[in-house]
């Protein structure tokens, strides 16, 4: 039994998004996965799946000219976990058919089976599957630990605004950089951002970069 579980959202080979800073996400994920394995913290991977025959697709799901899904098509290797992050024997892989990792999946059951009270989260994309999964973890009363340099999106503005939205409204959210999370797991002094004031980041188009850097210390250069 453990109070902590690492949940990695959709770190798959899907490349049609053109995710920025993906190399950084992969490198940091490798480091945190290794640290969790050392601590005996369970690791759960999720995979977004879209059936090539169209059964179960979300309404309006983007399609190619031949009628097959543009993203995460199950007849391609795009649904597989990135080679550098492949699950080990004993890790749990949960397939999902909607954005949130909790929507009609076994994730909540698995977390409860572990005795989890806290979820450490990273993955893609920040403004889609990652954010909806963070909100759903919060709604299920898990303490949420988000690793800011282990998440990314198709563009910087979407990534930044999603991070700020989660910081404003997920009241038990903790945000770390990878090295700080590893320090926490190792019982060392660490730094994190913790929600103190509702809707603290009232960003505009002109202040988005400034407010994002205030939250994460990351200017994404």
N, C-alpha and C. Protein backbone atom coordinates (compact mmCIF):
# COMPACT_ATOMS: atom_id res chain seq x y z
N UNK A 1 0.85 -1.19 0.00
CA UNK A 1 0.00 0.00 0.00
C UNK A 1 0.89 1.24 0.00
N UNK A 2 0.48 2.24 -0.73
CA UNK A 2 1.24 3.47 -0.83
C UNK A 2 0.28 4.64 -0.91
N UNK A 3 0.69 5.79 -0.39
CA UNK A 3 -0.18 6.96 -0.50
C UNK A 3 0.04 7.71 -1.79
N UNK A 4 1.13 7.41 -2.51
CA UNK A 4 1.47 8.16 -3.72
C UNK A 4 1.49 7.23 -4.93
N UNK A 5 1.01 7.74 -6.07
CA UNK A 5 1.10 7.02 -7.34
C UNK A 5 1.45 8.03 -8.42
N UNK A 6 2.36 7.65 -9.32
CA UNK A 6 2.71 8.48 -10.47
C UNK A 6 1.77 8.12 -11.62
N UNK A 7 1.06 9.11 -12.15
CA UNK A 7 0.15 8.91 -13.27
C UNK A 7 0.66 9.72 -14.46
N UNK A 8 1.01 9.02 -15.53
CA UNK A 8 1.57 9.64 -16.73
C UNK A 8 0.53 9.63 -17.84
N UNK A 9 0.14 10.81 -18.29
CA UNK A 9 -0.95 10.95 -19.24
C UNK A 9 -0.45 10.94 -20.67
N UNK A 10 -0.80 9.90 -21.40
CA UNK A 10 -0.69 9.86 -22.88
C UNK A 10 0.69 10.19 -23.43
N UNK A 11 1.73 9.65 -22.81
CA UNK A 11 3.08 9.86 -23.34
C UNK A 11 3.31 8.84 -24.46
N UNK A 12 2.63 9.09 -25.55
CA UNK A 12 2.56 8.16 -26.68
C UNK A 12 3.34 8.70 -27.88
N UNK A 13 3.47 7.86 -28.91
CA UNK A 13 4.24 8.22 -30.09
C UNK A 13 3.50 9.19 -31.02
N UNK A 14 2.24 9.46 -30.75
CA UNK A 14 1.45 10.38 -31.58
C UNK A 14 2.23 11.66 -31.83
N UNK A 15 2.41 11.99 -33.11
CA UNK A 15 3.25 13.14 -33.48
C UNK A 15 2.50 14.22 -34.24
N UNK A 16 1.23 14.02 -34.52
CA UNK A 16 0.50 14.99 -35.34
C UNK A 16 0.25 16.32 -34.62
N UNK A 17 0.47 16.36 -33.31
CA UNK A 17 0.26 17.61 -32.58
C UNK A 17 1.42 18.58 -32.77
N UNK A 18 2.62 18.07 -33.00
CA UNK A 18 3.78 18.95 -33.06
C UNK A 18 4.07 19.57 -31.72
N UNK A 19 4.17 18.77 -30.67
CA UNK A 19 4.34 19.27 -29.30
C UNK A 19 5.70 19.94 -29.13
N UNK A 20 5.72 21.11 -28.49
CA UNK A 20 6.98 21.81 -28.27
C UNK A 20 7.62 21.31 -26.97
N UNK A 21 8.94 21.36 -26.92
CA UNK A 21 9.71 20.94 -25.74
C UNK A 21 9.44 19.48 -25.36
N UNK A 22 9.08 18.64 -26.33
CA UNK A 22 8.80 17.25 -26.00
C UNK A 22 10.04 16.53 -25.50
N UNK A 23 11.21 16.87 -26.03
CA UNK A 23 12.44 16.23 -25.56
C UNK A 23 12.64 16.48 -24.07
N UNK A 24 12.32 17.68 -23.63
CA UNK A 24 12.44 17.99 -22.21
C UNK A 24 11.46 17.18 -21.38
N UNK A 25 10.24 17.04 -21.87
CA UNK A 25 9.24 16.25 -21.17
C UNK A 25 9.70 14.79 -21.03
N UNK A 26 10.24 14.23 -22.11
CA UNK A 26 10.71 12.85 -22.08
C UNK A 26 11.87 12.69 -21.10
N UNK A 27 12.84 13.59 -21.18
CA UNK A 27 14.01 13.51 -20.29
C UNK A 27 13.60 13.61 -18.83
N UNK A 28 12.73 14.57 -18.51
CA UNK A 28 12.30 14.73 -17.12
C UNK A 28 11.43 13.56 -16.66
N UNK A 29 10.62 13.03 -17.56
CA UNK A 29 9.81 11.87 -17.20
C UNK A 29 10.70 10.68 -16.87
N UNK A 30 11.77 10.49 -17.64
CA UNK A 30 12.71 9.40 -17.35
C UNK A 30 13.28 9.55 -15.94
N UNK A 31 13.66 10.77 -15.58
CA UNK A 31 14.25 11.00 -14.26
C UNK A 31 13.25 10.72 -13.14
N UNK A 32 12.01 11.19 -13.31
CA UNK A 32 11.04 11.00 -12.24
C UNK A 32 10.59 9.54 -12.16
N UNK A 33 10.44 8.88 -13.31
CA UNK A 33 10.10 7.46 -13.30
C UNK A 33 11.16 6.68 -12.53
N UNK A 34 12.43 6.96 -12.80
CA UNK A 34 13.50 6.27 -12.10
C UNK A 34 13.44 6.52 -10.60
N UNK A 35 13.17 7.76 -10.20
CA UNK A 35 13.09 8.09 -8.78
C UNK A 35 11.91 7.37 -8.12
N UNK A 36 10.79 7.29 -8.83
CA UNK A 36 9.63 6.60 -8.27
C UNK A 36 9.89 5.10 -8.14
N UNK A 37 10.57 4.53 -9.12
CA UNK A 37 10.90 3.10 -9.02
C UNK A 37 11.79 2.84 -7.80
N UNK A 38 12.73 3.73 -7.56
CA UNK A 38 13.62 3.57 -6.41
C UNK A 38 12.84 3.62 -5.10
N UNK A 39 11.80 4.43 -5.07
CA UNK A 39 11.00 4.60 -3.85
C UNK A 39 9.85 3.60 -3.75
N UNK A 40 9.70 2.76 -4.77
CA UNK A 40 8.59 1.80 -4.76
C UNK A 40 7.24 2.43 -5.01
N UNK A 41 7.24 3.59 -5.66
CA UNK A 41 5.98 4.28 -5.97
C UNK A 41 5.41 3.70 -7.26
N UNK A 42 4.17 3.22 -7.25
CA UNK A 42 3.58 2.63 -8.46
C UNK A 42 3.48 3.65 -9.60
N UNK A 43 3.53 3.13 -10.82
CA UNK A 43 3.44 3.97 -12.01
C UNK A 43 2.29 3.49 -12.88
N UNK A 44 1.42 4.42 -13.22
CA UNK A 44 0.30 4.14 -14.11
C UNK A 44 0.44 5.00 -15.36
N UNK A 45 0.38 4.37 -16.51
CA UNK A 45 0.38 5.05 -17.80
C UNK A 45 -1.04 5.05 -18.36
N UNK A 46 -1.40 6.13 -19.04
CA UNK A 46 -2.65 6.11 -19.81
C UNK A 46 -2.34 6.23 -21.29
N UNK A 47 -3.24 5.67 -22.10
CA UNK A 47 -3.12 5.78 -23.56
C UNK A 47 -4.47 6.24 -24.12
N UNK A 48 -4.44 7.28 -24.93
CA UNK A 48 -5.63 7.68 -25.67
C UNK A 48 -5.76 6.76 -26.88
N UNK A 49 -6.96 6.23 -27.11
CA UNK A 49 -7.20 5.30 -28.21
C UNK A 49 -8.38 5.78 -29.04
N UNK A 50 -8.21 5.84 -30.34
CA UNK A 50 -9.31 6.08 -31.28
C UNK A 50 -9.38 4.92 -32.26
N UNK A 51 -10.49 4.22 -32.27
CA UNK A 51 -10.63 3.06 -33.15
C UNK A 51 -10.68 3.48 -34.61
N UNK A 52 -9.96 2.74 -35.46
CA UNK A 52 -9.92 3.10 -36.87
C UNK A 52 -11.29 2.95 -37.54
N UNK A 53 -12.16 2.08 -36.98
CA UNK A 53 -13.48 1.88 -37.59
C UNK A 53 -14.49 2.93 -37.14
N UNK A 54 -14.06 3.86 -36.28
CA UNK A 54 -14.93 4.96 -35.87
C UNK A 54 -15.83 4.66 -34.70
N UNK A 55 -15.85 3.42 -34.23
CA UNK A 55 -16.71 3.07 -33.11
C UNK A 55 -16.19 3.75 -31.85
N UNK A 56 -17.09 4.47 -31.17
CA UNK A 56 -16.74 5.10 -29.90
C UNK A 56 -16.01 6.43 -30.01
N UNK A 57 -15.85 6.96 -31.21
CA UNK A 57 -15.16 8.25 -31.33
C UNK A 57 -15.99 9.38 -30.74
N UNK A 58 -15.31 10.37 -30.21
CA UNK A 58 -16.01 11.57 -29.76
C UNK A 58 -16.67 12.26 -30.96
N UNK A 59 -17.78 12.93 -30.70
CA UNK A 59 -18.44 13.68 -31.76
C UNK A 59 -17.49 14.73 -32.33
N UNK A 60 -17.35 14.75 -33.64
CA UNK A 60 -16.49 15.74 -34.27
C UNK A 60 -15.01 15.40 -34.24
N UNK A 61 -14.66 14.18 -33.83
CA UNK A 61 -13.24 13.78 -33.80
C UNK A 61 -12.62 14.00 -35.19
N UNK A 62 -11.47 14.69 -35.27
CA UNK A 62 -10.83 14.95 -36.57
C UNK A 62 -10.49 13.64 -37.30
N UNK A 63 -10.78 13.60 -38.59
CA UNK A 63 -10.53 12.42 -39.40
C UNK A 63 -9.63 12.76 -40.58
N UNK A 64 -8.92 11.76 -41.06
CA UNK A 64 -8.15 11.90 -42.30
C UNK A 64 -9.09 11.75 -43.50
N UNK A 65 -8.54 11.98 -44.67
CA UNK A 65 -9.35 11.88 -45.88
C UNK A 65 -9.94 10.48 -46.08
N UNK A 66 -9.25 9.46 -45.56
CA UNK A 66 -9.75 8.09 -45.73
C UNK A 66 -10.75 7.69 -44.64
N UNK A 67 -11.11 8.64 -43.76
CA UNK A 67 -12.11 8.39 -42.73
C UNK A 67 -11.57 7.81 -41.45
N UNK A 68 -10.27 7.58 -41.36
CA UNK A 68 -9.68 7.07 -40.12
C UNK A 68 -9.29 8.24 -39.22
N UNK A 69 -9.16 8.00 -37.92
CA UNK A 69 -8.86 9.10 -37.00
C UNK A 69 -7.51 9.76 -37.29
N UNK A 70 -7.48 11.07 -37.16
CA UNK A 70 -6.23 11.80 -37.35
C UNK A 70 -5.27 11.55 -36.20
N UNK A 71 -5.81 11.44 -34.99
CA UNK A 71 -4.99 11.27 -33.79
C UNK A 71 -5.23 9.90 -33.15
N UNK A 72 -4.16 9.31 -32.61
CA UNK A 72 -4.25 8.10 -31.78
C UNK A 72 -5.03 6.97 -32.45
N UNK A 73 -4.83 6.78 -33.73
CA UNK A 73 -5.54 5.72 -34.46
C UNK A 73 -5.00 4.36 -34.04
N UNK A 74 -5.90 3.44 -33.71
CA UNK A 74 -5.46 2.18 -33.11
C UNK A 74 -4.83 1.21 -34.09
N UNK A 75 -4.83 1.53 -35.39
CA UNK A 75 -4.16 0.66 -36.35
C UNK A 75 -2.74 1.15 -36.66
N UNK A 76 -2.26 2.12 -35.89
CA UNK A 76 -0.91 2.65 -36.07
C UNK A 76 -0.13 2.52 -34.77
N UNK A 77 1.19 2.73 -34.85
CA UNK A 77 1.99 2.67 -33.62
C UNK A 77 1.92 3.98 -32.84
N UNK A 78 1.11 4.94 -33.31
CA UNK A 78 0.98 6.22 -32.61
C UNK A 78 0.34 6.07 -31.23
N UNK A 79 -0.33 4.95 -30.99
CA UNK A 79 -0.96 4.75 -29.68
C UNK A 79 0.02 4.18 -28.65
N UNK A 80 1.21 3.76 -29.09
CA UNK A 80 2.14 3.12 -28.18
C UNK A 80 2.90 4.15 -27.33
N UNK A 81 3.27 3.75 -26.12
CA UNK A 81 4.07 4.61 -25.26
C UNK A 81 5.43 4.85 -25.91
N UNK A 82 5.94 6.06 -25.78
CA UNK A 82 7.25 6.43 -26.33
C UNK A 82 8.31 5.43 -25.85
N UNK A 83 9.15 4.98 -26.76
CA UNK A 83 10.12 3.92 -26.47
C UNK A 83 10.96 4.21 -25.22
N UNK A 84 11.41 5.44 -25.07
CA UNK A 84 12.28 5.79 -23.95
C UNK A 84 11.56 5.76 -22.61
N UNK A 85 10.24 5.63 -22.63
CA UNK A 85 9.43 5.65 -21.40
C UNK A 85 8.62 4.38 -21.22
N UNK A 86 8.98 3.33 -21.93
CA UNK A 86 8.15 2.12 -21.96
C UNK A 86 7.87 1.60 -20.55
N UNK A 87 6.64 1.15 -20.31
CA UNK A 87 6.30 0.56 -19.01
C UNK A 87 7.11 -0.70 -18.74
N UNK A 88 7.34 -0.96 -17.46
CA UNK A 88 7.97 -2.20 -17.03
C UNK A 88 6.89 -3.19 -16.64
N UNK A 89 7.28 -4.43 -16.50
CA UNK A 89 6.35 -5.44 -16.02
C UNK A 89 5.85 -5.04 -14.63
N UNK A 90 4.57 -5.10 -14.44
CA UNK A 90 3.98 -4.68 -13.17
C UNK A 90 3.41 -3.28 -13.19
N UNK A 91 3.86 -2.43 -14.13
CA UNK A 91 3.22 -1.13 -14.30
C UNK A 91 1.83 -1.33 -14.88
N UNK A 92 0.95 -0.39 -14.63
CA UNK A 92 -0.42 -0.46 -15.15
C UNK A 92 -0.55 0.48 -16.34
N UNK A 93 -1.16 -0.01 -17.41
CA UNK A 93 -1.46 0.81 -18.59
C UNK A 93 -2.97 0.82 -18.76
N UNK A 94 -3.54 2.01 -18.77
CA UNK A 94 -4.99 2.17 -18.88
C UNK A 94 -5.32 2.85 -20.20
N UNK A 95 -6.13 2.18 -21.01
CA UNK A 95 -6.58 2.77 -22.27
C UNK A 95 -7.86 3.56 -22.04
N UNK A 96 -7.97 4.70 -22.70
CA UNK A 96 -9.13 5.57 -22.53
C UNK A 96 -9.62 6.04 -23.89
N UNK A 97 -10.87 6.44 -23.92
CA UNK A 97 -11.51 6.82 -25.19
C UNK A 97 -12.04 8.25 -25.14
N UNK A 98 -11.78 8.92 -24.05
CA UNK A 98 -12.09 10.34 -23.90
C UNK A 98 -10.89 11.00 -23.24
N UNK A 99 -10.91 12.33 -23.16
CA UNK A 99 -9.72 13.04 -22.70
C UNK A 99 -9.33 12.69 -21.27
N UNK A 100 -10.25 12.83 -20.34
CA UNK A 100 -9.89 12.60 -18.94
C UNK A 100 -9.52 11.14 -18.70
N UNK A 101 -8.44 10.94 -17.96
CA UNK A 101 -8.00 9.58 -17.63
C UNK A 101 -8.97 8.88 -16.69
N UNK A 102 -9.89 9.63 -16.09
CA UNK A 102 -10.85 9.05 -15.15
C UNK A 102 -12.18 8.70 -15.80
N UNK A 103 -12.44 9.22 -17.00
CA UNK A 103 -13.77 9.07 -17.59
C UNK A 103 -13.97 7.64 -18.10
N UNK A 104 -14.83 6.90 -17.41
CA UNK A 104 -15.19 5.53 -17.79
C UNK A 104 -13.96 4.64 -17.99
N UNK A 105 -12.99 4.79 -17.08
CA UNK A 105 -11.81 3.92 -17.06
C UNK A 105 -11.69 3.30 -15.66
N UNK A 106 -10.68 2.47 -15.50
CA UNK A 106 -10.43 1.82 -14.20
C UNK A 106 -9.45 2.60 -13.34
N UNK A 107 -9.07 3.81 -13.74
CA UNK A 107 -8.02 4.53 -13.02
C UNK A 107 -8.36 4.73 -11.54
N UNK A 108 -9.56 5.19 -11.25
CA UNK A 108 -9.94 5.44 -9.86
C UNK A 108 -9.89 4.15 -9.05
N UNK A 109 -10.35 3.05 -9.64
CA UNK A 109 -10.32 1.75 -8.97
C UNK A 109 -8.88 1.35 -8.65
N UNK A 110 -7.99 1.52 -9.61
CA UNK A 110 -6.59 1.15 -9.41
C UNK A 110 -5.94 2.01 -8.32
N UNK A 111 -6.20 3.31 -8.34
CA UNK A 111 -5.64 4.19 -7.32
C UNK A 111 -6.13 3.80 -5.94
N UNK A 112 -7.41 3.52 -5.82
CA UNK A 112 -7.96 3.12 -4.52
C UNK A 112 -7.38 1.78 -4.07
N UNK A 113 -7.12 0.90 -5.03
CA UNK A 113 -6.52 -0.40 -4.71
C UNK A 113 -5.12 -0.23 -4.12
N UNK A 114 -4.40 0.74 -4.64
CA UNK A 114 -3.08 1.06 -4.10
C UNK A 114 -3.16 1.77 -2.75
N UNK A 115 -4.33 2.26 -2.39
CA UNK A 115 -4.45 3.08 -1.20
C UNK A 115 -3.99 4.50 -1.42
N UNK A 116 -4.00 4.95 -2.66
CA UNK A 116 -3.44 6.26 -3.00
C UNK A 116 -4.28 7.40 -2.43
N UNK A 117 -3.59 8.36 -1.89
CA UNK A 117 -4.19 9.62 -1.48
C UNK A 117 -3.64 10.78 -2.30
N UNK A 118 -2.47 10.57 -2.89
CA UNK A 118 -1.81 11.62 -3.68
C UNK A 118 -1.49 11.07 -5.07
N UNK A 119 -1.70 11.91 -6.09
CA UNK A 119 -1.30 11.55 -7.45
C UNK A 119 -0.29 12.58 -7.94
N UNK A 120 0.82 12.05 -8.45
CA UNK A 120 1.85 12.86 -9.10
C UNK A 120 1.57 12.76 -10.59
N UNK A 121 1.42 13.90 -11.28
CA UNK A 121 0.93 13.86 -12.65
C UNK A 121 1.84 14.62 -13.61
N UNK A 122 1.99 14.06 -14.79
CA UNK A 122 2.66 14.70 -15.92
C UNK A 122 2.11 14.10 -17.19
N UNK A 123 2.46 14.69 -18.34
CA UNK A 123 2.01 14.15 -19.60
C UNK A 123 1.46 15.20 -20.54
N UNK A 124 0.70 14.75 -21.51
CA UNK A 124 0.23 15.65 -22.58
C UNK A 124 -1.24 15.35 -22.91
N UNK A 125 -1.90 16.34 -23.53
CA UNK A 125 -1.44 17.70 -23.72
C UNK A 125 -1.97 18.56 -22.58
N UNK A 126 -1.24 19.63 -22.26
CA UNK A 126 -1.56 20.41 -21.08
C UNK A 126 -3.00 20.91 -21.08
N UNK A 127 -3.47 21.41 -22.21
CA UNK A 127 -4.79 22.03 -22.28
C UNK A 127 -5.89 21.05 -22.65
N UNK A 128 -5.57 19.75 -22.70
CA UNK A 128 -6.56 18.74 -23.07
C UNK A 128 -6.61 17.62 -22.06
N UNK A 129 -6.01 16.49 -22.42
CA UNK A 129 -6.10 15.29 -21.58
C UNK A 129 -5.45 15.49 -20.21
N UNK A 130 -4.35 16.23 -20.15
CA UNK A 130 -3.70 16.47 -18.87
C UNK A 130 -4.59 17.30 -17.96
N UNK A 131 -5.07 18.43 -18.44
CA UNK A 131 -5.86 19.32 -17.60
C UNK A 131 -7.17 18.68 -17.15
N UNK A 132 -7.87 17.99 -18.04
CA UNK A 132 -9.14 17.37 -17.64
C UNK A 132 -8.89 16.26 -16.62
N UNK A 133 -7.76 15.57 -16.73
CA UNK A 133 -7.42 14.53 -15.76
C UNK A 133 -7.08 15.14 -14.40
N UNK A 134 -6.38 16.27 -14.40
CA UNK A 134 -6.07 16.97 -13.15
C UNK A 134 -7.36 17.39 -12.45
N UNK A 135 -8.27 18.00 -13.19
CA UNK A 135 -9.53 18.41 -12.58
C UNK A 135 -10.29 17.21 -12.02
N UNK A 136 -10.31 16.10 -12.76
CA UNK A 136 -11.05 14.93 -12.29
C UNK A 136 -10.38 14.27 -11.09
N UNK A 137 -9.06 14.34 -11.00
CA UNK A 137 -8.37 13.85 -9.80
C UNK A 137 -8.76 14.70 -8.59
N UNK A 138 -8.82 16.00 -8.81
CA UNK A 138 -9.24 16.93 -7.74
C UNK A 138 -10.67 16.65 -7.31
N UNK A 139 -11.57 16.44 -8.27
CA UNK A 139 -12.97 16.18 -7.94
C UNK A 139 -13.14 14.88 -7.16
N UNK A 140 -12.16 13.98 -7.26
CA UNK A 140 -12.21 12.72 -6.52
C UNK A 140 -11.40 12.76 -5.24
N UNK A 141 -11.01 13.97 -4.85
CA UNK A 141 -10.38 14.23 -3.55
C UNK A 141 -8.96 13.67 -3.42
N UNK A 142 -8.27 13.50 -4.53
CA UNK A 142 -6.85 13.19 -4.45
C UNK A 142 -6.06 14.49 -4.29
N UNK A 143 -4.97 14.41 -3.53
CA UNK A 143 -4.02 15.52 -3.49
C UNK A 143 -3.24 15.48 -4.80
N UNK A 144 -3.22 16.60 -5.52
CA UNK A 144 -2.67 16.61 -6.87
C UNK A 144 -1.31 17.30 -6.89
N UNK A 145 -0.30 16.59 -7.40
CA UNK A 145 1.05 17.12 -7.55
C UNK A 145 1.36 17.14 -9.05
N UNK A 146 1.47 18.31 -9.61
CA UNK A 146 1.69 18.46 -11.06
C UNK A 146 3.14 18.88 -11.30
N UNK A 147 3.81 18.15 -12.19
CA UNK A 147 5.22 18.44 -12.49
C UNK A 147 5.26 19.29 -13.76
N UNK A 148 5.57 20.56 -13.60
CA UNK A 148 5.34 21.54 -14.66
C UNK A 148 6.25 21.35 -15.88
N UNK A 149 7.45 20.82 -15.69
CA UNK A 149 8.34 20.62 -16.84
C UNK A 149 8.26 19.19 -17.38
N UNK A 150 7.19 18.50 -17.01
CA UNK A 150 6.88 17.18 -17.58
C UNK A 150 5.57 17.24 -18.36
N UNK A 151 5.13 18.43 -18.71
CA UNK A 151 3.89 18.58 -19.48
C UNK A 151 4.14 19.56 -20.62
N UNK A 152 3.38 19.40 -21.70
CA UNK A 152 3.52 20.32 -22.83
C UNK A 152 2.26 20.25 -23.68
N UNK A 153 2.20 21.14 -24.67
CA UNK A 153 1.02 21.24 -25.54
C UNK A 153 1.50 21.55 -26.95
N UNK A 154 0.54 21.80 -27.83
CA UNK A 154 0.88 22.06 -29.23
C UNK A 154 1.39 23.48 -29.45
N UNK A 155 1.15 24.37 -28.49
CA UNK A 155 1.68 25.73 -28.59
C UNK A 155 1.84 26.32 -27.20
N UNK A 156 2.69 27.30 -27.10
CA UNK A 156 3.05 27.85 -25.80
C UNK A 156 1.88 28.54 -25.11
N UNK A 157 1.08 29.28 -25.88
CA UNK A 157 -0.04 30.00 -25.28
C UNK A 157 -1.04 29.04 -24.64
N UNK A 158 -1.35 27.95 -25.32
CA UNK A 158 -2.28 26.96 -24.79
C UNK A 158 -1.72 26.33 -23.52
N UNK A 159 -0.44 26.00 -23.55
CA UNK A 159 0.21 25.41 -22.38
C UNK A 159 0.18 26.37 -21.20
N UNK A 160 0.55 27.60 -21.45
CA UNK A 160 0.62 28.58 -20.37
C UNK A 160 -0.76 28.85 -19.77
N UNK A 161 -1.75 29.06 -20.62
CA UNK A 161 -3.09 29.39 -20.10
C UNK A 161 -3.69 28.22 -19.33
N UNK A 162 -3.41 26.98 -19.78
CA UNK A 162 -3.91 25.81 -19.05
C UNK A 162 -3.25 25.69 -17.68
N UNK A 163 -1.95 25.93 -17.62
CA UNK A 163 -1.27 25.89 -16.32
C UNK A 163 -1.83 26.93 -15.37
N UNK A 164 -2.07 28.13 -15.88
CA UNK A 164 -2.60 29.19 -15.04
C UNK A 164 -4.04 28.89 -14.61
N UNK A 165 -4.83 28.32 -15.51
CA UNK A 165 -6.20 27.96 -15.16
C UNK A 165 -6.23 26.92 -14.04
N UNK A 166 -5.38 25.90 -14.16
CA UNK A 166 -5.33 24.89 -13.09
C UNK A 166 -4.87 25.50 -11.78
N UNK A 167 -3.87 26.39 -11.83
CA UNK A 167 -3.39 27.04 -10.61
C UNK A 167 -4.48 27.86 -9.96
N UNK A 168 -5.32 28.49 -10.76
CA UNK A 168 -6.38 29.34 -10.22
C UNK A 168 -7.49 28.54 -9.56
N UNK A 169 -7.80 27.34 -10.07
CA UNK A 169 -9.06 26.70 -9.68
C UNK A 169 -8.95 25.30 -9.09
N UNK A 170 -7.79 24.69 -9.15
CA UNK A 170 -7.60 23.40 -8.45
C UNK A 170 -7.00 23.74 -7.09
N UNK A 171 -7.85 23.81 -6.09
CA UNK A 171 -7.47 24.42 -4.82
C UNK A 171 -6.43 23.62 -4.04
N UNK A 172 -6.29 22.32 -4.30
CA UNK A 172 -5.27 21.56 -3.57
C UNK A 172 -4.06 21.25 -4.46
N UNK A 173 -3.90 22.00 -5.52
CA UNK A 173 -2.83 21.74 -6.47
C UNK A 173 -1.47 22.14 -5.90
N UNK A 174 -0.47 21.27 -6.16
CA UNK A 174 0.92 21.55 -5.87
C UNK A 174 1.68 21.47 -7.20
N UNK A 175 2.49 22.45 -7.50
CA UNK A 175 3.24 22.46 -8.76
C UNK A 175 4.74 22.47 -8.46
N UNK A 176 5.46 21.57 -9.10
CA UNK A 176 6.89 21.39 -8.90
C UNK A 176 7.59 21.34 -10.26
N UNK A 177 8.88 21.61 -10.25
CA UNK A 177 9.73 21.19 -11.34
C UNK A 177 10.26 19.80 -10.98
N UNK A 178 10.72 19.06 -11.98
CA UNK A 178 11.09 17.66 -11.77
C UNK A 178 12.10 17.48 -10.65
N UNK A 179 13.15 18.26 -10.65
CA UNK A 179 14.20 18.10 -9.64
C UNK A 179 13.66 18.35 -8.24
N UNK A 180 12.73 19.26 -8.11
CA UNK A 180 12.14 19.55 -6.80
C UNK A 180 11.24 18.41 -6.33
N UNK A 181 10.50 17.81 -7.25
CA UNK A 181 9.68 16.65 -6.89
C UNK A 181 10.56 15.49 -6.44
N UNK A 182 11.66 15.27 -7.12
CA UNK A 182 12.58 14.19 -6.73
C UNK A 182 13.15 14.46 -5.34
N UNK A 183 13.48 15.72 -5.05
CA UNK A 183 13.94 16.06 -3.70
C UNK A 183 12.87 15.71 -2.67
N UNK A 184 11.62 16.02 -2.98
CA UNK A 184 10.53 15.70 -2.05
C UNK A 184 10.45 14.19 -1.81
N UNK A 185 10.54 13.42 -2.89
CA UNK A 185 10.47 11.96 -2.74
C UNK A 185 11.63 11.42 -1.92
N UNK A 186 12.78 12.09 -2.00
CA UNK A 186 13.97 11.64 -1.27
C UNK A 186 14.06 12.21 0.14
N UNK A 187 13.02 12.95 0.56
CA UNK A 187 13.00 13.50 1.91
C UNK A 187 13.92 14.69 2.10
N UNK A 188 14.27 15.36 1.00
CA UNK A 188 15.15 16.53 1.07
C UNK A 188 14.32 17.81 1.02
N UNK A 189 14.89 18.94 1.44
CA UNK A 189 14.17 20.21 1.29
C UNK A 189 13.85 20.47 -0.18
N UNK A 190 12.67 20.99 -0.46
CA UNK A 190 12.24 21.19 -1.84
C UNK A 190 11.41 22.46 -1.94
N UNK A 191 11.23 22.92 -3.17
CA UNK A 191 10.39 24.08 -3.44
C UNK A 191 9.20 23.65 -4.28
N UNK A 192 8.07 24.29 -4.06
CA UNK A 192 6.87 24.03 -4.85
C UNK A 192 6.00 25.27 -4.82
N UNK A 193 5.05 25.32 -5.75
CA UNK A 193 4.00 26.32 -5.69
C UNK A 193 2.77 25.65 -5.10
N UNK A 194 2.10 26.34 -4.18
CA UNK A 194 0.90 25.81 -3.55
C UNK A 194 -0.18 26.89 -3.57
N UNK A 195 -1.40 26.49 -3.91
CA UNK A 195 -2.52 27.43 -4.01
C UNK A 195 -2.73 28.17 -2.69
N UNK A 196 -2.75 29.50 -2.75
CA UNK A 196 -3.01 30.31 -1.57
C UNK A 196 -4.18 31.27 -1.77
N UNK A 197 -4.39 31.69 -3.01
CA UNK A 197 -5.40 32.70 -3.27
C UNK A 197 -6.19 32.33 -4.52
N UNK A 198 -7.50 32.32 -4.41
CA UNK A 198 -8.35 31.97 -5.54
C UNK A 198 -8.19 32.96 -6.69
N UNK A 199 -8.07 32.43 -7.90
CA UNK A 199 -8.00 33.26 -9.10
C UNK A 199 -6.88 34.29 -9.01
N UNK A 200 -5.72 33.84 -8.54
CA UNK A 200 -4.58 34.73 -8.33
C UNK A 200 -3.98 35.21 -9.65
N UNK A 201 -4.09 34.38 -10.69
CA UNK A 201 -3.43 34.69 -11.96
C UNK A 201 -4.46 35.18 -12.97
N UNK A 202 -4.83 36.44 -12.85
CA UNK A 202 -5.83 37.03 -13.74
C UNK A 202 -5.11 37.58 -14.98
N UNK A 203 -4.71 36.65 -15.81
CA UNK A 203 -3.86 36.99 -16.95
C UNK A 203 -4.69 37.51 -18.11
N UNK A 204 -4.04 38.30 -18.92
CA UNK A 204 -4.60 38.77 -20.19
C UNK A 204 -3.64 38.33 -21.29
N UNK A 205 -4.02 38.59 -22.53
CA UNK A 205 -3.12 38.26 -23.63
C UNK A 205 -1.76 38.92 -23.45
N UNK A 206 -1.78 40.14 -22.93
CA UNK A 206 -0.54 40.87 -22.78
C UNK A 206 0.29 40.45 -21.58
N UNK A 207 -0.33 39.82 -20.58
CA UNK A 207 0.41 39.45 -19.37
C UNK A 207 0.60 37.95 -19.21
N UNK A 208 0.21 37.18 -20.22
CA UNK A 208 0.26 35.73 -20.11
C UNK A 208 1.67 35.23 -19.78
N UNK A 209 2.67 35.67 -20.55
CA UNK A 209 4.04 35.21 -20.32
C UNK A 209 4.52 35.59 -18.92
N UNK A 210 4.22 36.80 -18.52
CA UNK A 210 4.66 37.30 -17.22
C UNK A 210 4.05 36.48 -16.09
N UNK A 211 2.74 36.22 -16.16
CA UNK A 211 2.07 35.48 -15.10
C UNK A 211 2.50 34.01 -15.08
N UNK A 212 2.74 33.44 -16.26
CA UNK A 212 3.22 32.06 -16.32
C UNK A 212 4.59 31.94 -15.66
N UNK A 213 5.47 32.89 -15.94
CA UNK A 213 6.79 32.84 -15.33
C UNK A 213 6.70 33.04 -13.82
N UNK A 214 5.76 33.88 -13.37
CA UNK A 214 5.56 34.07 -11.93
C UNK A 214 5.13 32.77 -11.27
N UNK A 215 4.34 31.96 -11.98
CA UNK A 215 3.87 30.70 -11.43
C UNK A 215 4.96 29.64 -11.43
N UNK A 216 5.64 29.47 -12.55
CA UNK A 216 6.53 28.32 -12.72
C UNK A 216 8.02 28.65 -12.71
N UNK A 217 8.35 29.94 -12.89
CA UNK A 217 9.75 30.30 -13.04
C UNK A 217 10.32 29.91 -14.38
N UNK A 218 9.45 29.55 -15.33
CA UNK A 218 9.86 29.02 -16.62
C UNK A 218 9.45 29.99 -17.71
N UNK A 219 10.43 30.49 -18.48
CA UNK A 219 10.09 31.40 -19.58
C UNK A 219 10.01 30.68 -20.92
N UNK A 220 10.23 29.34 -20.91
CA UNK A 220 10.07 28.51 -22.11
C UNK A 220 10.95 28.93 -23.28
N UNK A 221 12.06 29.58 -23.01
CA UNK A 221 12.96 29.96 -24.09
C UNK A 221 13.69 28.71 -24.61
